[in-house]
Each structure stands twice: as C-alpha cells, then as structure tokens.
PDB file of N, CA and C in Angstrom:
ATOM      1  N   MET A   1     118.915 105.510 107.070  1.00  0.00           N
ATOM      2  CA  MET A   1     119.023 105.756 105.655  1.00  0.00           C
ATOM      3  C   MET A   1     117.609 105.824 105.080  1.00  0.00           C
ATOM      4  N   THR A   2     117.387 106.750 104.196  1.00  0.00           N
ATOM      5  CA  THR A   2     116.085 106.935 103.569  1.00  0.00           C
ATOM      6  C   THR A   2     116.260 107.277 102.099  1.00  0.00           C
ATOM      7  N   ALA A   3     115.185 107.123 101.351  1.00  0.00           N
ATOM      8  CA  ALA A   3     115.171 107.537  99.940  1.00  0.00           C
ATOM      9  C   ALA A   3     113.827 108.195  99.663  1.00  0.00           C
ATOM     10  N   PHE A   4     113.818 109.101  98.707  1.00  0.00           N
ATOM     11  CA  PHE A   4     112.625 109.871  98.395  1.00  0.00           C
ATOM     12  C   PHE A   4     112.283 109.762  96.913  1.00  0.00           C
ATOM     13  N   TYR A   5     110.987 109.881  96.606  1.00  0.00           N
ATOM     14  CA  TYR A   5     110.560 109.989  95.213  1.00  0.00           C
ATOM     15  C   TYR A   5     110.957 111.380  94.711  1.00  0.00           C
ATOM     16  N   ALA A   6     110.907 111.596  93.422  1.00  0.00           N
ATOM     17  CA  ALA A   6     111.276 112.886  92.824  1.00  0.00           C
ATOM     18  C   ALA A   6     110.431 114.041  93.355  1.00  0.00           C
ATOM     19  N   ASN A   7     109.185 113.757  93.770  1.00  0.00           N
ATOM     20  CA  ASN A   7     108.324 114.823  94.285  1.00  0.00           C
ATOM     21  C   ASN A   7     108.556 115.117  95.770  1.00  0.00           C
ATOM     22  N   GLY A   8     109.492 114.396  96.396  1.00  0.00           N
ATOM     23  CA  GLY A   8     109.819 114.621  97.800  1.00  0.00           C
ATOM     24  C   GLY A   8     109.137 113.683  98.770  1.00  0.00           C
ATOM     25  N   SER A   9     108.224 112.842  98.302  1.00  0.00           N
ATOM     26  CA  SER A   9     107.554 111.872  99.177  1.00  0.00           C
ATOM     27  C   SER A   9     108.528 110.771  99.571  1.00  0.00           C
ATOM     28  N   LEU A  10     108.360 110.253 100.773  1.00  0.00           N
ATOM     29  CA  LEU A  10     109.210 109.175 101.279  1.00  0.00           C
ATOM     30  C   LEU A  10     108.987 107.907 100.455  1.00  0.00           C
ATOM     31  N   HIS A  11     110.082 107.305  99.983  1.00  0.00           N
ATOM     32  CA  HIS A  11     110.021 106.102  99.151  1.00  0.00           C
ATOM     33  C   HIS A  11     110.305 104.858  99.988  1.00  0.00           C
ATOM     34  N   TRP A  12     111.424 104.853 100.697  1.00  0.00           N
ATOM     35  CA  TRP A  12     111.762 103.750 101.586  1.00  0.00           C
ATOM     36  C   TRP A  12     112.649 104.247 102.712  1.00  0.00           C
ATOM     37  N   PHE A  13     112.678 103.453 103.815  1.00  0.00           N
ATOM     38  CA  PHE A  13     113.476 103.833 104.974  1.00  0.00           C
ATOM     39  C   PHE A  13     113.766 102.613 105.841  1.00  0.00           C
ATOM     40  N   TYR A  14     114.778 102.733 106.670  1.00  0.00           N
ATOM     41  CA  TYR A  14     115.098 101.748 107.694  1.00  0.00           C
ATOM     42  C   TYR A  14     114.683 102.336 109.033  1.00  0.00           C
ATOM     43  N   THR A  15     114.383 101.473 109.995  1.00  0.00           N
ATOM     44  CA  THR A  15     113.993 101.951 111.316  1.00  0.00           C
ATOM     45  C   THR A  15     114.664 101.118 112.404  1.00  0.00           C
ATOM     46  N   ARG A  16     114.906 101.753 113.542  1.00  0.00           N
ATOM     47  CA  ARG A  16     115.525 101.057 114.672  1.00  0.00           C
ATOM     48  C   ARG A  16     114.518 100.298 115.514  1.00  0.00           C
ATOM     49  N   HIS A  17     113.257 100.642 115.371  1.00  0.00           N
ATOM     50  CA  HIS A  17     112.194 100.022 116.160  1.00  0.00           C
ATOM     51  C   HIS A  17     111.066  99.598 115.225  1.00  0.00           C
ATOM     52  N   PRO A  18     110.307  98.567 115.598  1.00  0.00           N
ATOM     53  CA  PRO A  18     109.150  98.210 114.787  1.00  0.00           C
ATOM     54  C   PRO A  18     108.240  99.427 114.614  1.00  0.00           C
ATOM     55  N   VAL A  19     107.616  99.528 113.461  1.00  0.00           N
ATOM     56  CA  VAL A  19     106.753 100.665 113.159  1.00  0.00           C
ATOM     57  C   VAL A  19     105.467 100.153 112.497  1.00  0.00           C
ATOM     58  N   VAL A  20     104.351 100.765 112.847  1.00  0.00           N
ATOM     59  CA  VAL A  20     103.060 100.388 112.268  1.00  0.00           C
ATOM     60  C   VAL A  20     102.767 101.293 111.079  1.00  0.00           C
ATOM     61  N   VAL A  21     102.534 100.666 109.928  1.00  0.00           N
ATOM     62  CA  VAL A  21     102.187 101.397 108.707  1.00  0.00           C
ATOM     63  C   VAL A  21     100.929 100.742 108.144  1.00  0.00           C
ATOM     64  N   ASP A  22      99.887 101.513 107.979  1.00  0.00           N
ATOM     65  CA  ASP A  22      98.611 101.009 107.451  1.00  0.00           C
ATOM     66  C   ASP A  22      98.101  99.797 108.234  1.00  0.00           C
ATOM     67  N   GLY A  23      98.313  99.801 109.540  1.00  0.00           N
ATOM     68  CA  GLY A  23      97.806  98.735 110.397  1.00  0.00           C
ATOM     69  C   GLY A  23      98.678  97.500 110.485  1.00  0.00           C
ATOM     70  N   LEU A  24      99.785  97.453 109.752  1.00  0.00           N
ATOM     71  CA  LEU A  24     100.701  96.318 109.808  1.00  0.00           C
ATOM     72  C   LEU A  24     101.955  96.720 110.571  1.00  0.00           C
ATOM     73  N   THR A  25     102.425  95.848 111.456  1.00  0.00           N
ATOM     74  CA  THR A  25     103.641  96.139 112.215  1.00  0.00           C
ATOM     75  C   THR A  25     104.848  95.637 111.435  1.00  0.00           C
ATOM     76  N   CYS A  26     105.668  96.572 110.973  1.00  0.00           N
ATOM     77  CA  CYS A  26     106.858  96.265 110.184  1.00  0.00           C
ATOM     78  C   CYS A  26     108.059  96.140 111.107  1.00  0.00           C
ATOM     79  N   LYS A  27     108.872  95.136 110.852  1.00  0.00           N
ATOM     80  CA  LYS A  27     110.043  94.840 111.681  1.00  0.00           C
ATOM     81  C   LYS A  27     111.173  95.824 111.414  1.00  0.00           C
ATOM     82  N   ASN A  28     111.870  96.157 112.495  1.00  0.00           N
ATOM     83  CA  ASN A  28     113.100  96.923 112.342  1.00  0.00           C
ATOM     84  C   ASN A  28     114.165  95.982 111.770  1.00  0.00           C
ATOM     85  N   SER A  29     114.913  96.449 110.790  1.00  0.00           N
ATOM     86  CA  SER A  29     115.903  95.617 110.125  1.00  0.00           C
ATOM     87  C   SER A  29     116.946  96.483 109.444  1.00  0.00           C
ATOM     88  N   LEU A  30     118.186  96.037 109.509  1.00  0.00           N
ATOM     89  CA  LEU A  30     119.262  96.724 108.793  1.00  0.00           C
ATOM     90  C   LEU A  30     119.359  96.241 107.348  1.00  0.00           C
ATOM     91  N   PHE A  31     118.638  95.153 107.036  1.00  0.00           N
ATOM     92  CA  PHE A  31     118.753  94.537 105.717  1.00  0.00           C
ATOM     93  C   PHE A  31     117.478  94.632 104.886  1.00  0.00           C
ATOM     94  N   GLN A  32     116.352  94.958 105.519  1.00  0.00           N
ATOM     95  CA  GLN A  32     115.072  94.999 104.817  1.00  0.00           C
ATOM     96  C   GLN A  32     114.383  96.334 105.075  1.00  0.00           C
ATOM     97  N   PRO A  33     114.470  97.270 104.123  1.00  0.00           N
ATOM     98  CA  PRO A  33     113.814  98.566 104.321  1.00  0.00           C
ATOM     99  C   PRO A  33     112.298  98.453 104.223  1.00  0.00           C
ATOM    100  N   ILE A  34     111.612  99.467 104.692  1.00  0.00           N
ATOM    101  CA  ILE A  34     110.170  99.585 104.560  1.00  0.00           C
ATOM    102  C   ILE A  34     109.917 100.467 103.346  1.00  0.00           C
ATOM    103  N   HIS A  35     109.182  99.938 102.381  1.00  0.00           N
ATOM    104  CA  HIS A  35     108.903 100.652 101.128  1.00  0.00           C
ATOM    105  C   HIS A  35     107.486 101.209 101.159  1.00  0.00           C
ATOM    106  N   LEU A  36     107.323 102.411 100.637  1.00  0.00           N
ATOM    107  CA  LEU A  36     106.015 103.046 100.545  1.00  0.00           C
ATOM    108  C   LEU A  36     105.677 103.348  99.091  1.00  0.00           C
ATOM    109  N   HIS A  37     104.382 103.352  98.803  1.00  0.00           N
ATOM    110  CA  HIS A  37     103.920 103.812  97.488  1.00  0.00           C
ATOM    111  C   HIS A  37     104.041 105.338  97.453  1.00  0.00           C
ATOM    112  N   LEU A  38     103.909 105.908  96.304  1.00  0.00           N
ATOM    113  CA  LEU A  38     104.013 107.355  96.120  1.00  0.00           C
ATOM    114  C   LEU A  38     103.024 108.113  97.004  1.00  0.00           C
ATOM    115  N   ASP A  39     101.858 107.523  97.264  1.00  0.00           N
ATOM    116  CA  ASP A  39     100.849 108.183  98.105  1.00  0.00           C
ATOM    117  C   ASP A  39     101.084 107.978  99.599  1.00  0.00           C
ATOM    118  N   GLY A  40     102.176 107.282  99.972  1.00  0.00           N
ATOM    119  CA  GLY A  40     102.528 107.091 101.385  1.00  0.00           C
ATOM    120  C   GLY A  40     102.018 105.812 102.009  1.00  0.00           C
ATOM    121  N   ARG A  41     101.233 105.040 101.262  1.00  0.00           N
ATOM    122  CA  ARG A  41     100.742 103.771 101.797  1.00  0.00           C
ATOM    123  C   ARG A  41     101.831 102.706 101.693  1.00  0.00           C
ATOM    124  N   LEU A  42     101.723 101.690 102.548  1.00  0.00           N
ATOM    125  CA  LEU A  42     102.717 100.622 102.599  1.00  0.00           C
ATOM    126  C   LEU A  42     102.782  99.859 101.283  1.00  0.00           C
ATOM    127  N   ARG A  43     103.993  99.628 100.831  1.00  0.00           N
ATOM    128  CA  ARG A  43     104.239  98.849  99.613  1.00  0.00           C
ATOM    129  C   ARG A  43     104.885  97.510  99.961  1.00  0.00           C
ATOM    130  N   GLN A  44     105.865  97.524 100.891  1.00  0.00           N
ATOM    131  CA  GLN A  44     106.569  96.291 101.243  1.00  0.00           C
ATOM    132  C   GLN A  44     107.254  96.442 102.586  1.00  0.00           C
ATOM    133  N   CYS A  45     107.191  95.378 103.402  1.00  0.00           N
ATOM    134  CA  CYS A  45     107.974  95.344 104.638  1.00  0.00           C
ATOM    135  C   CYS A  45     108.064  93.920 105.153  1.00  0.00           C
ATOM    136  N   LYS A  46     108.954  93.716 106.106  1.00  0.00           N
ATOM    137  CA  LYS A  46     109.090  92.444 106.807  1.00  0.00           C
ATOM    138  C   LYS A  46     108.220  92.542 108.053  1.00  0.00           C
ATOM    139  N   LEU A  47     107.287  91.619 108.209  1.00  0.00           N
ATOM    140  CA  LEU A  47     106.337  91.687 109.312  1.00  0.00           C
ATOM    141  C   LEU A  47     106.997  91.408 110.662  1.00  0.00           C
ATOM    142  N   ASP A  48     106.667  92.223 111.656  1.00  0.00           N
ATOM    143  CA  ASP A  48     107.151  92.005 113.018  1.00  0.00           C
ATOM    144  C   ASP A  48     106.139  91.205 113.824  1.00  0.00           C
ATOM    145  N   LYS A  49     104.885  91.203 113.382  1.00  0.00           N
ATOM    146  CA  LYS A  49     103.827  90.441 114.040  1.00  0.00           C
ATOM    147  C   LYS A  49     103.040  89.697 112.968  1.00  0.00           C
ATOM    148  N   PRO A  50     102.544  88.506 113.296  1.00  0.00           N
ATOM    149  CA  PRO A  50     101.720  87.801 112.313  1.00  0.00           C
ATOM    150  C   PRO A  50     100.439  88.575 112.049  1.00  0.00           C
ATOM    151  N   VAL A  51      99.882  88.395 110.865  1.00  0.00           N
ATOM    152  CA  VAL A  51      98.673  89.110 110.476  1.00  0.00           C
ATOM    153  C   VAL A  51      97.836  88.211 109.555  1.00  0.00           C
ATOM    154  N   THR A  52      96.520  88.376 109.610  1.00  0.00           N
ATOM    155  CA  THR A  52      95.619  87.681 108.705  1.00  0.00           C
ATOM    156  C   THR A  52      94.956  88.723 107.817  1.00  0.00           C
ATOM    157  N   ILE A  53      95.095  88.542 106.504  1.00  0.00           N
ATOM    158  CA  ILE A  53      94.497  89.446 105.521  1.00  0.00           C
ATOM    159  C   ILE A  53      93.703  88.602 104.540  1.00  0.00           C
ATOM    160  N   ASP A  54      92.422  88.910 104.385  1.00  0.00           N
ATOM    161  CA  ASP A  54      91.553  88.165 103.466  1.00  0.00           C
ATOM    162  C   ASP A  54      91.640  86.661 103.709  1.00  0.00           C
ATOM    163  N   LYS A  55      91.594  86.255 104.975  1.00  0.00           N
ATOM    164  CA  LYS A  55      91.592  84.858 105.411  1.00  0.00           C
ATOM    165  C   LYS A  55      92.908  84.128 105.146  1.00  0.00           C
ATOM    166  N   VAL A  56      93.972  84.859 104.849  1.00  0.00           N
ATOM    167  CA  VAL A  56      95.301  84.273 104.645  1.00  0.00           C
ATOM    168  C   VAL A  56      96.190  84.729 105.796  1.00  0.00           C
ATOM    169  N   ASP A  57      96.847  83.756 106.456  1.00  0.00           N
ATOM    170  CA  ASP A  57      97.750  84.061 107.571  1.00  0.00           C
ATOM    171  C   ASP A  57      99.162  84.299 107.058  1.00  0.00           C
ATOM    172  N   TYR A  58      99.749  85.414 107.492  1.00  0.00           N
ATOM    173  CA  TYR A  58     101.130  85.745 107.152  1.00  0.00           C
ATOM    174  C   TYR A  58     101.917  85.764 108.446  1.00  0.00           C
ATOM    175  N   PRO A  59     102.982  84.952 108.554  1.00  0.00           N
ATOM    176  CA  PRO A  59     103.723  84.847 109.815  1.00  0.00           C
ATOM    177  C   PRO A  59     104.691  86.013 110.033  1.00  0.00           C
ATOM    178  N   ARG A  60     105.122  86.154 111.272  1.00  0.00           N
ATOM    179  CA  ARG A  60     106.169  87.121 111.613  1.00  0.00           C
ATOM    180  C   ARG A  60     107.393  86.791 110.758  1.00  0.00           C
ATOM    181  N   GLY A  61     108.042  87.795 110.209  1.00  0.00           N
ATOM    182  CA  GLY A  61     109.217  87.591 109.369  1.00  0.00           C
ATOM    183  C   GLY A  61     108.915  87.494 107.884  1.00  0.00           C
ATOM    184  N   PHE A  62     107.644  87.383 107.533  1.00  0.00           N
ATOM    185  CA  PHE A  62     107.241  87.306 106.124  1.00  0.00           C
ATOM    186  C   PHE A  62     107.422  88.673 105.476  1.00  0.00           C
ATOM    187  N   ILE A  63     107.965  88.698 104.284  1.00  0.00           N
ATOM    188  CA  ILE A  63     108.104  89.957 103.538  1.00  0.00           C
ATOM    189  C   ILE A  63     106.821  90.130 102.739  1.00  0.00           C
ATOM    190  N   ILE A  64     106.001  91.061 103.179  1.00  0.00           N
ATOM    191  CA  ILE A  64     104.701  91.289 102.561  1.00  0.00           C
ATOM    192  C   ILE A  64     104.830  92.378 101.503  1.00  0.00           C
ATOM    193  N   ARG A  65     104.171  92.160 100.377  1.00  0.00           N
ATOM    194  CA  ARG A  65     104.175  93.130  99.277  1.00  0.00           C
ATOM    195  C   ARG A  65     102.723  93.489  98.964  1.00  0.00           C
ATOM    196  N   ILE A  66     102.454  94.771  98.881  1.00  0.00           N
ATOM    197  CA  ILE A  66     101.091  95.249  98.689  1.00  0.00           C
ATOM    198  C   ILE A  66     101.038  96.130  97.445  1.00  0.00           C
ATOM    199  N   ASP A  67     100.062  95.859  96.585  1.00  0.00           N
ATOM    200  CA  ASP A  67      99.962  96.649  95.350  1.00  0.00           C
ATOM    201  C   ASP A  67      99.274  97.999  95.613  1.00  0.00           C
ATOM    202  N   GLN A  68      99.163  98.788  94.582  1.00  0.00           N
ATOM    203  CA  GLN A  68      98.612 100.150  94.677  1.00  0.00           C
ATOM    204  C   GLN A  68      97.169 100.153  95.199  1.00  0.00           C
ATOM    205  N   SER A  69      96.409  99.091  94.910  1.00  0.00           N
ATOM    206  CA  SER A  69      95.016  99.034  95.348  1.00  0.00           C
ATOM    207  C   SER A  69      94.875  98.551  96.787  1.00  0.00           C
ATOM    208  N   GLY A  70      95.970  98.094  97.399  1.00  0.00           N
ATOM    209  CA  GLY A  70      95.928  97.619  98.787  1.00  0.00           C
ATOM    210  C   GLY A  70      95.856  96.111  98.916  1.00  0.00           C
ATOM    211  N   ALA A  71      95.918  95.394  97.805  1.00  0.00           N
ATOM    212  CA  ALA A  71      95.873  93.933  97.826  1.00  0.00           C
ATOM    213  C   ALA A  71      97.276  93.353  98.003  1.00  0.00           C
ATOM    214  N   VAL A  72      97.368  92.236  98.716  1.00  0.00           N
ATOM    215  CA  VAL A  72      98.654  91.567  98.909  1.00  0.00           C
ATOM    216  C   VAL A  72      99.047  90.873  97.617  1.00  0.00           C
ATOM    217  N   ILE A  73     100.298  91.069  97.210  1.00  0.00           N
ATOM    218  CA  ILE A  73     100.857  90.423  96.018  1.00  0.00           C
ATOM    219  C   ILE A  73     101.519  89.136  96.469  1.00  0.00           C
ATOM    220  N   GLU A  74     101.149  88.031  95.850  1.00  0.00           N
ATOM    221  CA  GLU A  74     101.717  86.735  96.243  1.00  0.00           C
ATOM    222  C   GLU A  74     102.769  86.301  95.256  1.00  0.00           C
TER     223      GLU A  74
END
C-alpha cells in the first residue's frame, strides 16, 4: 500500500523487507509505514537497526521522526 502527494511524489509506503532511506534502516512493518517529505527525504519510520545521531542513541524499534531540515524531532 502506498500514498502520494498531489504532485505525484511518494508520501508513505509499507515494505516487506527493511529498506535504507537517507542512511537509516527502516523496519518492514504492516502497522508502521515509512513516511517521506515532499522532496523524498525520510520523515518517519520504525528503525530496524540502532543508530546514533548527534550523540543520541536510538534503539532498534524506535519510531524516528525527522523534520524538513533533517533534524530528529523528539
């Protein structure tokens, strides 16, 4: 299942396998879609692998949200 912005850009989608978007590995999930910003950059996903961003550790399974500038929203 997928959704698109009015201009045809991909808005969100589900995947059967983990997928890397902007260097982050997003978990495959039937309940948590991967969201993209209008420009195609990652907006939100459930992490499949732990990651450290700006000295903050985010564990596997964490739902990460990223703003338009690329900063993590807490």
